[in-house]
């Protein structure tokens, strides 16, 4: 199943500016997997590009992994997480923050 719409990455700038203006705001990646079409190959660049834009605009410290469970997308979560872990634009400490350390910090 191909995407029936175009992803307008430039539209993320409005959210980045809003979140960026408030030091205590952060965002999560819940539901971003729904932008991945069924036939898109790993590592799912349509979704990873969203993450890259958000990290560039906000920093990894303000982004949390989210699942949007129980509304699962087509791609399995282990592959989505592996794609983030292997993303060439992220350093290992940024990956650790996004996939859990930021949430722990938020809760403490």
PDB file of N, CA and C in Angstrom:
ATOM      1  N   UNK A   1       0.843  -1.178   0.000  1.00  0.00           N
ATOM      2  CA  UNK A   1       0.000   0.000   0.000  1.00  0.00           C
ATOM      3  C   UNK A   1       0.890   1.244   0.000  1.00  0.00           C
ATOM      4  N   UNK A   2       0.802   2.037  -0.994  1.00  0.00           N
ATOM      5  CA  UNK A   2       1.589   3.270  -1.081  1.00  0.00           C
ATOM      6  C   UNK A   2       0.889   4.386  -0.313  1.00  0.00           C
ATOM      7  N   UNK A   3       1.672   5.363   0.095  1.00  0.00           N
ATOM      8  CA  UNK A   3       1.085   6.521   0.758  1.00  0.00           C
ATOM      9  C   UNK A   3       0.181   7.262  -0.220  1.00  0.00           C
ATOM     10  N   UNK A   4      -0.936   7.714   0.287  1.00  0.00           N
ATOM     11  CA  UNK A   4      -1.877   8.450  -0.552  1.00  0.00           C
ATOM     12  C   UNK A   4      -1.687   9.949  -0.427  1.00  0.00           C
ATOM     13  N   UNK A   5      -0.659  10.357   0.282  1.00  0.00           N
ATOM     14  CA  UNK A   5      -0.415  11.781   0.506  1.00  0.00           C
ATOM     15  C   UNK A   5       1.083  12.013   0.567  1.00  0.00           C
ATOM     16  N   UNK A   6       1.454  13.246   0.347  1.00  0.00           N
ATOM     17  CA  UNK A   6       2.861  13.628   0.443  1.00  0.00           C
ATOM     18  C   UNK A   6       3.145  14.087   1.866  1.00  0.00           C
ATOM     19  N   UNK A   7       4.323  13.798   2.340  1.00  0.00           N
ATOM     20  CA  UNK A   7       4.737  14.280   3.649  1.00  0.00           C
ATOM     21  C   UNK A   7       5.438  15.619   3.436  1.00  0.00           C
ATOM     22  N   UNK A   8       4.946  16.650   4.089  1.00  0.00           N
ATOM     23  CA  UNK A   8       5.499  17.993   3.956  1.00  0.00           C
ATOM     24  C   UNK A   8       6.369  18.278   5.176  1.00  0.00           C
ATOM     25  N   UNK A   9       7.621  17.878   5.101  1.00  0.00           N
ATOM     26  CA  UNK A   9       8.530  18.007   6.236  1.00  0.00           C
ATOM     27  C   UNK A   9       8.706  19.461   6.673  1.00  0.00           C
ATOM     28  N   UNK A  10       8.591  20.387   5.735  1.00  0.00           N
ATOM     29  CA  UNK A  10       8.762  21.794   6.075  1.00  0.00           C
ATOM     30  C   UNK A  10       7.675  22.274   7.045  1.00  0.00           C
ATOM     31  N   UNK A  11       6.554  21.599   7.068  1.00  0.00           N
ATOM     32  CA  UNK A  11       5.478  21.982   7.986  1.00  0.00           C
ATOM     33  C   UNK A  11       5.806  21.669   9.446  1.00  0.00           C
ATOM     34  N   UNK A  12       6.840  20.891   9.677  1.00  0.00           N
ATOM     35  CA  UNK A  12       7.272  20.615  11.049  1.00  0.00           C
ATOM     36  C   UNK A  12       7.866  21.849  11.710  1.00  0.00           C
ATOM     37  N   UNK A  13       8.283  22.818  10.918  1.00  0.00           N
ATOM     38  CA  UNK A  13       8.920  24.009  11.478  1.00  0.00           C
ATOM     39  C   UNK A  13       8.006  24.773  12.431  1.00  0.00           C
ATOM     40  N   UNK A  14       6.719  24.795  12.132  1.00  0.00           N
ATOM     41  CA  UNK A  14       5.784  25.486  13.011  1.00  0.00           C
ATOM     42  C   UNK A  14       5.758  24.828  14.397  1.00  0.00           C
ATOM     43  N   UNK A  15       5.720  23.495  14.428  1.00  0.00           N
ATOM     44  CA  UNK A  15       5.738  22.782  15.702  1.00  0.00           C
ATOM     45  C   UNK A  15       7.074  22.947  16.413  1.00  0.00           C
ATOM     46  N   UNK A  16       8.152  22.927  15.657  1.00  0.00           N
ATOM     47  CA  UNK A  16       9.479  23.113  16.241  1.00  0.00           C
ATOM     48  C   UNK A  16       9.570  24.491  16.894  1.00  0.00           C
ATOM     49  N   UNK A  17       9.070  25.515  16.218  1.00  0.00           N
ATOM     50  CA  UNK A  17       9.105  26.866  16.788  1.00  0.00           C
ATOM     51  C   UNK A  17       8.242  26.970  18.040  1.00  0.00           C
ATOM     52  N   UNK A  18       7.075  26.359  18.019  1.00  0.00           N
ATOM     53  CA  UNK A  18       6.202  26.384  19.195  1.00  0.00           C
ATOM     54  C   UNK A  18       6.856  25.673  20.381  1.00  0.00           C
ATOM     55  N   UNK A  19       7.297  24.450  20.162  1.00  0.00           N
ATOM     56  CA  UNK A  19       7.933  23.683  21.241  1.00  0.00           C
ATOM     57  C   UNK A  19       9.208  24.376  21.690  1.00  0.00           C
ATOM     58  N   UNK A  20       9.973  24.882  20.748  1.00  0.00           N
ATOM     59  CA  UNK A  20      11.231  25.548  21.065  1.00  0.00           C
ATOM     60  C   UNK A  20      11.066  26.792  21.914  1.00  0.00           C
ATOM     61  N   UNK A  21       9.903  27.448  21.823  1.00  0.00           N
ATOM     62  CA  UNK A  21       9.706  28.668  22.619  1.00  0.00           C
ATOM     63  C   UNK A  21       9.387  28.403  24.076  1.00  0.00           C
ATOM     64  N   UNK A  22       9.111  27.173  24.421  1.00  0.00           N
ATOM     65  CA  UNK A  22       8.785  26.819  25.803  1.00  0.00           C
ATOM     66  C   UNK A  22       9.762  25.754  26.289  1.00  0.00           C
ATOM     67  N   UNK A  23      10.663  26.114  27.171  1.00  0.00           N
ATOM     68  CA  UNK A  23      11.735  25.184  27.553  1.00  0.00           C
ATOM     69  C   UNK A  23      11.258  23.887  28.202  1.00  0.00           C
ATOM     70  N   UNK A  24      10.044  23.863  28.717  1.00  0.00           N
ATOM     71  CA  UNK A  24       9.552  22.640  29.357  1.00  0.00           C
ATOM     72  C   UNK A  24       8.697  21.773  28.444  1.00  0.00           C
ATOM     73  N   UNK A  25       8.540  22.163  27.192  1.00  0.00           N
ATOM     74  CA  UNK A  25       7.776  21.339  26.244  1.00  0.00           C
ATOM     75  C   UNK A  25       8.698  20.356  25.543  1.00  0.00           C
ATOM     76  N   UNK A  26       8.135  19.193  25.240  1.00  0.00           N
ATOM     77  CA  UNK A  26       8.846  18.190  24.454  1.00  0.00           C
ATOM     78  C   UNK A  26       7.826  17.535  23.524  1.00  0.00           C
ATOM     79  N   UNK A  27       8.264  16.640  22.706  1.00  0.00           N
ATOM     80  CA  UNK A  27       7.352  15.944  21.807  1.00  0.00           C
ATOM     81  C   UNK A  27       7.680  14.462  21.814  1.00  0.00           C
ATOM     82  N   UNK A  28       6.756  13.678  21.291  1.00  0.00           N
ATOM     83  CA  UNK A  28       7.039  12.246  21.180  1.00  0.00           C
ATOM     84  C   UNK A  28       6.820  11.800  19.741  1.00  0.00           C
ATOM     85  N   UNK A  29       7.230  10.589  19.481  1.00  0.00           N
ATOM     86  CA  UNK A  29       7.138  10.041  18.134  1.00  0.00           C
ATOM     87  C   UNK A  29       5.949   9.111  17.973  1.00  0.00           C
ATOM     88  N   UNK A  30       4.995   9.157  18.895  1.00  0.00           N
ATOM     89  CA  UNK A  30       3.822   8.296  18.788  1.00  0.00           C
ATOM     90  C   UNK A  30       3.125   8.540  17.454  1.00  0.00           C
ATOM     91  N   UNK A  31       2.776   7.503  16.807  1.00  0.00           N
ATOM     92  CA  UNK A  31       2.025   7.503  15.547  1.00  0.00           C
ATOM     93  C   UNK A  31       2.842   7.871  14.325  1.00  0.00           C
ATOM     94  N   UNK A  32       4.118   8.204  14.485  1.00  0.00           N
ATOM     95  CA  UNK A  32       4.862   8.550  13.276  1.00  0.00           C
ATOM     96  C   UNK A  32       5.021   7.354  12.358  1.00  0.00           C
ATOM     97  N   UNK A  33       4.921   6.148  12.913  1.00  0.00           N
ATOM     98  CA  UNK A  33       5.015   4.941  12.093  1.00  0.00           C
ATOM     99  C   UNK A  33       3.853   4.819  11.112  1.00  0.00           C
ATOM    100  N   UNK A  34       2.771   5.538  11.344  1.00  0.00           N
ATOM    101  CA  UNK A  34       1.631   5.497  10.429  1.00  0.00           C
ATOM    102  C   UNK A  34       1.934   6.213   9.108  1.00  0.00           C
ATOM    103  N   UNK A  35       3.040   6.913   9.048  1.00  0.00           N
ATOM    104  CA  UNK A  35       3.444   7.563   7.800  1.00  0.00           C
ATOM    105  C   UNK A  35       4.247   6.639   6.900  1.00  0.00           C
ATOM    106  N   UNK A  36       4.559   5.450   7.397  1.00  0.00           N
ATOM    107  CA  UNK A  36       5.350   4.490   6.626  1.00  0.00           C
ATOM    108  C   UNK A  36       4.390   3.610   5.832  1.00  0.00           C
ATOM    109  N   UNK A  37       4.540   3.613   4.524  1.00  0.00           N
ATOM    110  CA  UNK A  37       3.676   2.767   3.704  1.00  0.00           C
ATOM    111  C   UNK A  37       4.085   1.303   3.848  1.00  0.00           C
ATOM    112  N   UNK A  38       3.163   0.451   3.550  1.00  0.00           N
ATOM    113  CA  UNK A  38       3.382  -0.993   3.683  1.00  0.00           C
ATOM    114  C   UNK A  38       4.558  -1.477   2.844  1.00  0.00           C
ATOM    115  N   UNK A  39       4.771  -0.851   1.698  1.00  0.00           N
ATOM    116  CA  UNK A  39       5.826  -1.305   0.793  1.00  0.00           C
ATOM    117  C   UNK A  39       7.136  -0.520   0.927  1.00  0.00           C
ATOM    118  N   UNK A  40       7.211   0.387   1.892  1.00  0.00           N
ATOM    119  CA  UNK A  40       8.455   1.143   2.068  1.00  0.00           C
ATOM    120  C   UNK A  40       9.529   0.240   2.677  1.00  0.00           C
ATOM    121  N   UNK A  41      10.710   0.210   2.090  1.00  0.00           N
ATOM    122  CA  UNK A  41      11.759  -0.657   2.629  1.00  0.00           C
ATOM    123  C   UNK A  41      12.399  -0.085   3.900  1.00  0.00           C
ATOM    124  N   UNK A  42      12.940  -1.001   4.688  1.00  0.00           N
ATOM    125  CA  UNK A  42      13.739  -0.620   5.850  1.00  0.00           C
ATOM    126  C   UNK A  42      14.893   0.225   5.343  1.00  0.00           C
ATOM    127  N   UNK A  43      15.264   1.278   5.981  1.00  0.00           N
ATOM    128  CA  UNK A  43      15.000   1.735   7.339  1.00  0.00           C
ATOM    129  C   UNK A  43      13.874   2.761   7.470  1.00  0.00           C
ATOM    130  N   UNK A  44      12.943   2.835   6.493  1.00  0.00           N
ATOM    131  CA  UNK A  44      11.763   3.695   6.598  1.00  0.00           C
ATOM    132  C   UNK A  44      12.140   5.177   6.662  1.00  0.00           C
ATOM    133  N   UNK A  45      12.753   5.633   5.596  1.00  0.00           N
ATOM    134  CA  UNK A  45      13.258   7.009   5.571  1.00  0.00           C
ATOM    135  C   UNK A  45      12.165   8.056   5.683  1.00  0.00           C
ATOM    136  N   UNK A  46      10.932   7.725   5.294  1.00  0.00           N
ATOM    137  CA  UNK A  46       9.862   8.710   5.430  1.00  0.00           C
ATOM    138  C   UNK A  46       9.676   9.103   6.895  1.00  0.00           C
ATOM    139  N   UNK A  47       9.753   8.131   7.788  1.00  0.00           N
ATOM    140  CA  UNK A  47       9.628   8.410   9.223  1.00  0.00           C
ATOM    141  C   UNK A  47      10.935   8.944   9.804  1.00  0.00           C
ATOM    142  N   UNK A  48      12.048   8.367   9.402  1.00  0.00           N
ATOM    143  CA  UNK A  48      13.330   8.835   9.936  1.00  0.00           C
ATOM    144  C   UNK A  48      13.600  10.291   9.584  1.00  0.00           C
ATOM    145  N   UNK A  49      13.114  10.740   8.449  1.00  0.00           N
ATOM    146  CA  UNK A  49      13.301  12.147   8.069  1.00  0.00           C
ATOM    147  C   UNK A  49      12.585  13.062   9.060  1.00  0.00           C
ATOM    148  N   UNK A  50      11.425  12.657   9.546  1.00  0.00           N
ATOM    149  CA  UNK A  50      10.722  13.433  10.574  1.00  0.00           C
ATOM    150  C   UNK A  50      11.601  13.543  11.811  1.00  0.00           C
ATOM    151  N   UNK A  51      12.159  12.438  12.233  1.00  0.00           N
ATOM    152  CA  UNK A  51      13.038  12.443  13.403  1.00  0.00           C
ATOM    153  C   UNK A  51      14.251  13.331  13.168  1.00  0.00           C
ATOM    154  N   UNK A  52      14.847  13.247  11.995  1.00  0.00           N
ATOM    155  CA  UNK A  52      16.018  14.069  11.694  1.00  0.00           C
ATOM    156  C   UNK A  52      15.680  15.560  11.767  1.00  0.00           C
ATOM    157  N   UNK A  53      14.557  15.954  11.206  1.00  0.00           N
ATOM    158  CA  UNK A  53      14.144  17.357  11.228  1.00  0.00           C
ATOM    159  C   UNK A  53      13.885  17.805  12.673  1.00  0.00           C
ATOM    160  N   UNK A  54      13.235  16.956  13.457  1.00  0.00           N
ATOM    161  CA  UNK A  54      12.925  17.312  14.842  1.00  0.00           C
ATOM    162  C   UNK A  54      14.194  17.406  15.689  1.00  0.00           C
ATOM    163  N   UNK A  55      15.119  16.491  15.502  1.00  0.00           N
ATOM    164  CA  UNK A  55      16.384  16.543  16.249  1.00  0.00           C
ATOM    165  C   UNK A  55      17.172  17.787  15.855  1.00  0.00           C
ATOM    166  N   UNK A  56      17.221  18.094  14.574  1.00  0.00           N
ATOM    167  CA  UNK A  56      17.927  19.299  14.126  1.00  0.00           C
ATOM    168  C   UNK A  56      17.303  20.557  14.723  1.00  0.00           C
ATOM    169  N   UNK A  57      15.987  20.576  14.843  1.00  0.00           N
ATOM    170  CA  UNK A  57      15.303  21.767  15.312  1.00  0.00           C
ATOM    171  C   UNK A  57      15.198  21.906  16.817  1.00  0.00           C
ATOM    172  N   UNK A  58      15.102  20.780  17.529  1.00  0.00           N
ATOM    173  CA  UNK A  58      14.877  20.823  18.980  1.00  0.00           C
ATOM    174  C   UNK A  58      15.994  20.215  19.809  1.00  0.00           C
ATOM    175  N   UNK A  59      16.739  19.317  19.205  1.00  0.00           N
ATOM    176  CA  UNK A  59      17.720  18.543  19.960  1.00  0.00           C
ATOM    177  C   UNK A  59      17.094  17.245  20.430  1.00  0.00           C
ATOM    178  N   UNK A  60      17.886  16.227  20.574  1.00  0.00           N
ATOM    179  CA  UNK A  60      17.399  14.907  20.977  1.00  0.00           C
ATOM    180  C   UNK A  60      16.823  14.914  22.385  1.00  0.00           C
ATOM    181  N   UNK A  61      17.210  15.880  23.205  1.00  0.00           N
ATOM    182  CA  UNK A  61      16.770  15.938  24.605  1.00  0.00           C
ATOM    183  C   UNK A  61      15.287  16.230  24.749  1.00  0.00           C
ATOM    184  N   UNK A  62      14.645  16.677  23.685  1.00  0.00           N
ATOM    185  CA  UNK A  62      13.236  17.066  23.790  1.00  0.00           C
ATOM    186  C   UNK A  62      12.320  16.159  22.985  1.00  0.00           C
ATOM    187  N   UNK A  63      12.833  14.978  22.630  1.00  0.00           N
ATOM    188  CA  UNK A  63      12.056  14.034  21.826  1.00  0.00           C
ATOM    189  C   UNK A  63      11.980  12.704  22.562  1.00  0.00           C
ATOM    190  N   UNK A  64      10.775  12.164  22.640  1.00  0.00           N
ATOM    191  CA  UNK A  64      10.534  10.895  23.314  1.00  0.00           C
ATOM    192  C   UNK A  64      10.004   9.878  22.309  1.00  0.00           C
ATOM    193  N   UNK A  65      10.416   8.630  22.480  1.00  0.00           N
ATOM    194  CA  UNK A  65       9.825   7.545  21.709  1.00  0.00           C
ATOM    195  C   UNK A  65       8.411   7.333  22.227  1.00  0.00           C
ATOM    196  N   UNK A  66       7.487   7.118  21.346  1.00  0.00           N
ATOM    197  CA  UNK A  66       6.115   6.795  21.708  1.00  0.00           C
ATOM    198  C   UNK A  66       5.583   5.757  20.741  1.00  0.00           C
ATOM    199  N   UNK A  67       4.701   4.926  21.196  1.00  0.00           N
ATOM    200  CA  UNK A  67       4.236   3.820  20.360  1.00  0.00           C
ATOM    201  C   UNK A  67       2.866   4.032  19.741  1.00  0.00           C
ATOM    202  N   UNK A  68       2.025   4.855  20.320  1.00  0.00           N
ATOM    203  CA  UNK A  68       0.642   5.026  19.896  1.00  0.00           C
ATOM    204  C   UNK A  68      -0.147   3.734  20.064  1.00  0.00           C
ATOM    205  N   UNK A  69       0.341   2.858  20.933  1.00  0.00           N
ATOM    206  CA  UNK A  69      -0.352   1.607  21.187  1.00  0.00           C
ATOM    207  C   UNK A  69      -1.737   1.892  21.727  1.00  0.00           C
ATOM    208  N   UNK A  70      -2.757   1.225  21.332  1.00  0.00           N
ATOM    209  CA  UNK A  70      -2.821  -0.025  20.558  1.00  0.00           C
ATOM    210  C   UNK A  70      -3.002   0.174  19.058  1.00  0.00           C
ATOM    211  N   UNK A  71      -2.775   1.360  18.556  1.00  0.00           N
ATOM    212  CA  UNK A  71      -2.958   1.637  17.135  1.00  0.00           C
ATOM    213  C   UNK A  71      -1.663   1.376  16.386  1.00  0.00           C
ATOM    214  N   UNK A  72      -1.437   0.121  16.108  1.00  0.00           N
ATOM    215  CA  UNK A  72      -0.187  -0.295  15.494  1.00  0.00           C
ATOM    216  C   UNK A  72      -0.165   0.045  14.010  1.00  0.00           C
ATOM    217  N   UNK A  73       1.017   0.410  13.544  1.00  0.00           N
ATOM    218  CA  UNK A  73       1.200   0.621  12.114  1.00  0.00           C
ATOM    219  C   UNK A  73       1.498  -0.710  11.449  1.00  0.00           C
ATOM    220  N   UNK A  74       1.953  -0.651  10.228  1.00  0.00           N
ATOM    221  CA  UNK A  74       2.238  -1.860   9.461  1.00  0.00           C
ATOM    222  C   UNK A  74       3.577  -2.473   9.871  1.00  0.00           C
ATOM    223  N   UNK A  75       4.564  -1.630  10.128  1.00  0.00           N
ATOM    224  CA  UNK A  75       5.908  -2.117  10.433  1.00  0.00           C
ATOM    225  C   UNK A  75       6.019  -2.499  11.918  1.00  0.00           C
ATOM    226  N   UNK A  76       6.714  -3.575  12.228  1.00  0.00           N
ATOM    227  CA  UNK A  76       6.839  -3.997  13.628  1.00  0.00           C
ATOM    228  C   UNK A  76       7.735  -3.051  14.435  1.00  0.00           C
ATOM    229  N   UNK A  77       7.368  -2.863  15.701  1.00  0.00           N
ATOM    230  CA  UNK A  77       8.117  -1.956  16.562  1.00  0.00           C
ATOM    231  C   UNK A  77       9.601  -2.303  16.675  1.00  0.00           C
ATOM    232  N   UNK A  78       9.992  -3.575  16.776  1.00  0.00           N
ATOM    233  CA  UNK A  78      11.440  -3.845  16.841  1.00  0.00           C
ATOM    234  C   UNK A  78      12.211  -3.279  15.649  1.00  0.00           C
ATOM    235  N   UNK A  79      11.606  -3.324  14.457  1.00  0.00           N
ATOM    236  CA  UNK A  79      12.284  -2.757  13.285  1.00  0.00           C
ATOM    237  C   UNK A  79      12.315  -1.234  13.341  1.00  0.00           C
ATOM    238  N   UNK A  80      11.262  -0.616  13.836  1.00  0.00           N
ATOM    239  CA  UNK A  80      11.247   0.842  13.968  1.00  0.00           C
ATOM    240  C   UNK A  80      12.333   1.301  14.930  1.00  0.00           C
ATOM    241  N   UNK A  81      12.469   0.593  16.027  1.00  0.00           N
ATOM    242  CA  UNK A  81      13.495   0.935  17.017  1.00  0.00           C
ATOM    243  C   UNK A  81      14.879   0.696  16.444  1.00  0.00           C
ATOM    244  N   UNK A  82      15.059  -0.415  15.741  1.00  0.00           N
ATOM    245  CA  UNK A  82      16.362  -0.704  15.121  1.00  0.00           C
ATOM    246  C   UNK A  82      16.720   0.381  14.112  1.00  0.00           C
ATOM    247  N   UNK A  83      15.726   0.861  13.350  1.00  0.00           N
ATOM    248  CA  UNK A  83      15.990   1.930  12.373  1.00  0.00           C
ATOM    249  C   UNK A  83      16.470   3.190  13.081  1.00  0.00           C
ATOM    250  N   UNK A  84      15.887   3.513  14.219  1.00  0.00           N
ATOM    251  CA  UNK A  84      16.334   4.686  14.976  1.00  0.00           C
ATOM    252  C   UNK A  84      17.741   4.448  15.512  1.00  0.00           C
ATOM    253  N   UNK A  85      17.989   3.270  16.037  1.00  0.00           N
ATOM    254  CA  UNK A  85      19.331   2.959  16.558  1.00  0.00           C
ATOM    255  C   UNK A  85      20.406   3.060  15.480  1.00  0.00           C
ATOM    256  N   UNK A  86      20.056   2.735  14.257  1.00  0.00           N
ATOM    257  CA  UNK A  86      21.031   2.725  13.159  1.00  0.00           C
ATOM    258  C   UNK A  86      21.020   4.016  12.330  1.00  0.00           C
ATOM    259  N   UNK A  87      20.189   4.971  12.685  1.00  0.00           N
ATOM    260  CA  UNK A  87      20.087   6.209  11.895  1.00  0.00           C
ATOM    261  C   UNK A  87      21.443   6.909  11.848  1.00  0.00           C
ATOM    262  N   UNK A  88      21.961   7.190  10.671  1.00  0.00           N
ATOM    263  CA  UNK A  88      23.293   7.768  10.550  1.00  0.00           C
ATOM    264  C   UNK A  88      23.404   9.191  11.089  1.00  0.00           C
ATOM    265  N   UNK A  89      22.309   9.880  11.268  1.00  0.00           N
ATOM    266  CA  UNK A  89      22.338  11.256  11.754  1.00  0.00           C
ATOM    267  C   UNK A  89      22.272  11.341  13.282  1.00  0.00           C
ATOM    268  N   UNK A  90      22.156  10.202  13.963  1.00  0.00           N
ATOM    269  CA  UNK A  90      22.086  10.199  15.426  1.00  0.00           C
ATOM    270  C   UNK A  90      23.332   9.582  16.044  1.00  0.00           C
ATOM    271  N   UNK A  91      23.773  10.161  17.139  1.00  0.00           N
ATOM    272  CA  UNK A  91      24.843   9.569  17.932  1.00  0.00           C
ATOM    273  C   UNK A  91      24.207   8.632  18.946  1.00  0.00           C
ATOM    274  N   UNK A  92      24.974   7.688  19.470  1.00  0.00           N
ATOM    275  CA  UNK A  92      24.416   6.681  20.373  1.00  0.00           C
ATOM    276  C   UNK A  92      23.783   7.304  21.618  1.00  0.00           C
ATOM    277  N   UNK A  93      24.357   8.379  22.156  1.00  0.00           N
ATOM    278  CA  UNK A  93      23.752   9.007  23.333  1.00  0.00           C
ATOM    279  C   UNK A  93      22.418   9.661  22.979  1.00  0.00           C
ATOM    280  N   UNK A  94      22.282  10.170  21.764  1.00  0.00           N
ATOM    281  CA  UNK A  94      21.004  10.742  21.329  1.00  0.00           C
ATOM    282  C   UNK A  94      19.948   9.650  21.197  1.00  0.00           C
ATOM    283  N   UNK A  95      20.338   8.521  20.664  1.00  0.00           N
ATOM    284  CA  UNK A  95      19.415   7.390  20.534  1.00  0.00           C
ATOM    285  C   UNK A  95      18.923   6.956  21.906  1.00  0.00           C
ATOM    286  N   UNK A  96      19.838   6.813  22.852  1.00  0.00           N
ATOM    287  CA  UNK A  96      19.457   6.406  24.209  1.00  0.00           C
ATOM    288  C   UNK A  96      18.492   7.401  24.843  1.00  0.00           C
ATOM    289  N   UNK A  97      18.713   8.677  24.611  1.00  0.00           N
ATOM    290  CA  UNK A  97      17.801   9.701  25.143  1.00  0.00           C
ATOM    291  C   UNK A  97      16.415   9.549  24.532  1.00  0.00           C
ATOM    292  N   UNK A  98      16.354   9.452  23.229  1.00  0.00           N
ATOM    293  CA  UNK A  98      15.069   9.378  22.531  1.00  0.00           C
ATOM    294  C   UNK A  98      14.306   8.119  22.912  1.00  0.00           C
ATOM    295  N   UNK A  99      14.998   7.007  23.007  1.00  0.00           N
ATOM    296  CA  UNK A  99      14.317   5.731  23.234  1.00  0.00           C
ATOM    297  C   UNK A  99      14.034   5.430  24.709  1.00  0.00           C
ATOM    298  N   UNK A 100      14.408   6.318  25.627  1.00  0.00           N
ATOM    299  CA  UNK A 100      14.052   6.021  27.002  1.00  0.00           C
ATOM    300  C   UNK A 100      14.546   6.976  28.058  1.00  0.00           C
ATOM    301  N   UNK A 101      15.767   7.463  27.916  1.00  0.00           N
ATOM    302  CA  UNK A 101      16.321   8.316  28.976  1.00  0.00           C
ATOM    303  C   UNK A 101      15.542   9.623  29.135  1.00  0.00           C
ATOM    304  N   UNK A 102      15.056  10.188  28.043  1.00  0.00           N
ATOM    305  CA  UNK A 102      14.258  11.413  28.146  1.00  0.00           C
ATOM    306  C   UNK A 102      12.972  11.157  28.926  1.00  0.00           C
ATOM    307  N   UNK A 103      12.345  10.028  28.696  1.00  0.00           N
ATOM    308  CA  UNK A 103      11.115   9.698  29.419  1.00  0.00           C
ATOM    309  C   UNK A 103      11.407   9.522  30.904  1.00  0.00           C
ATOM    310  N   UNK A 104      12.521   8.880  31.227  1.00  0.00           N
ATOM    311  CA  UNK A 104      12.892   8.738  32.643  1.00  0.00           C
ATOM    312  C   UNK A 104      13.126  10.081  33.290  1.00  0.00           C
ATOM    313  N   UNK A 105      13.780  10.970  32.578  1.00  0.00           N
ATOM    314  CA  UNK A 105      14.032  12.321  33.087  1.00  0.00           C
ATOM    315  C   UNK A 105      12.718  13.073  33.297  1.00  0.00           C
ATOM    316  N   UNK A 106      11.810  12.915  32.369  1.00  0.00           N
ATOM    317  CA  UNK A 106      10.508  13.563  32.443  1.00  0.00           C
ATOM    318  C   UNK A 106       9.731  13.104  33.677  1.00  0.00           C
ATOM    319  N   UNK A 107       9.844  11.826  33.994  1.00  0.00           N
ATOM    320  CA  UNK A 107       9.102  11.265  35.117  1.00  0.00           C
ATOM    321  C   UNK A 107       9.745  11.522  36.470  1.00  0.00           C
ATOM    322  N   UNK A 108      11.012  11.918  36.473  1.00  0.00           N
ATOM    323  CA  UNK A 108      11.666  12.110  37.764  1.00  0.00           C
ATOM    324  C   UNK A 108      11.521  13.532  38.295  1.00  0.00           C
TER     325      UNK A 108
END
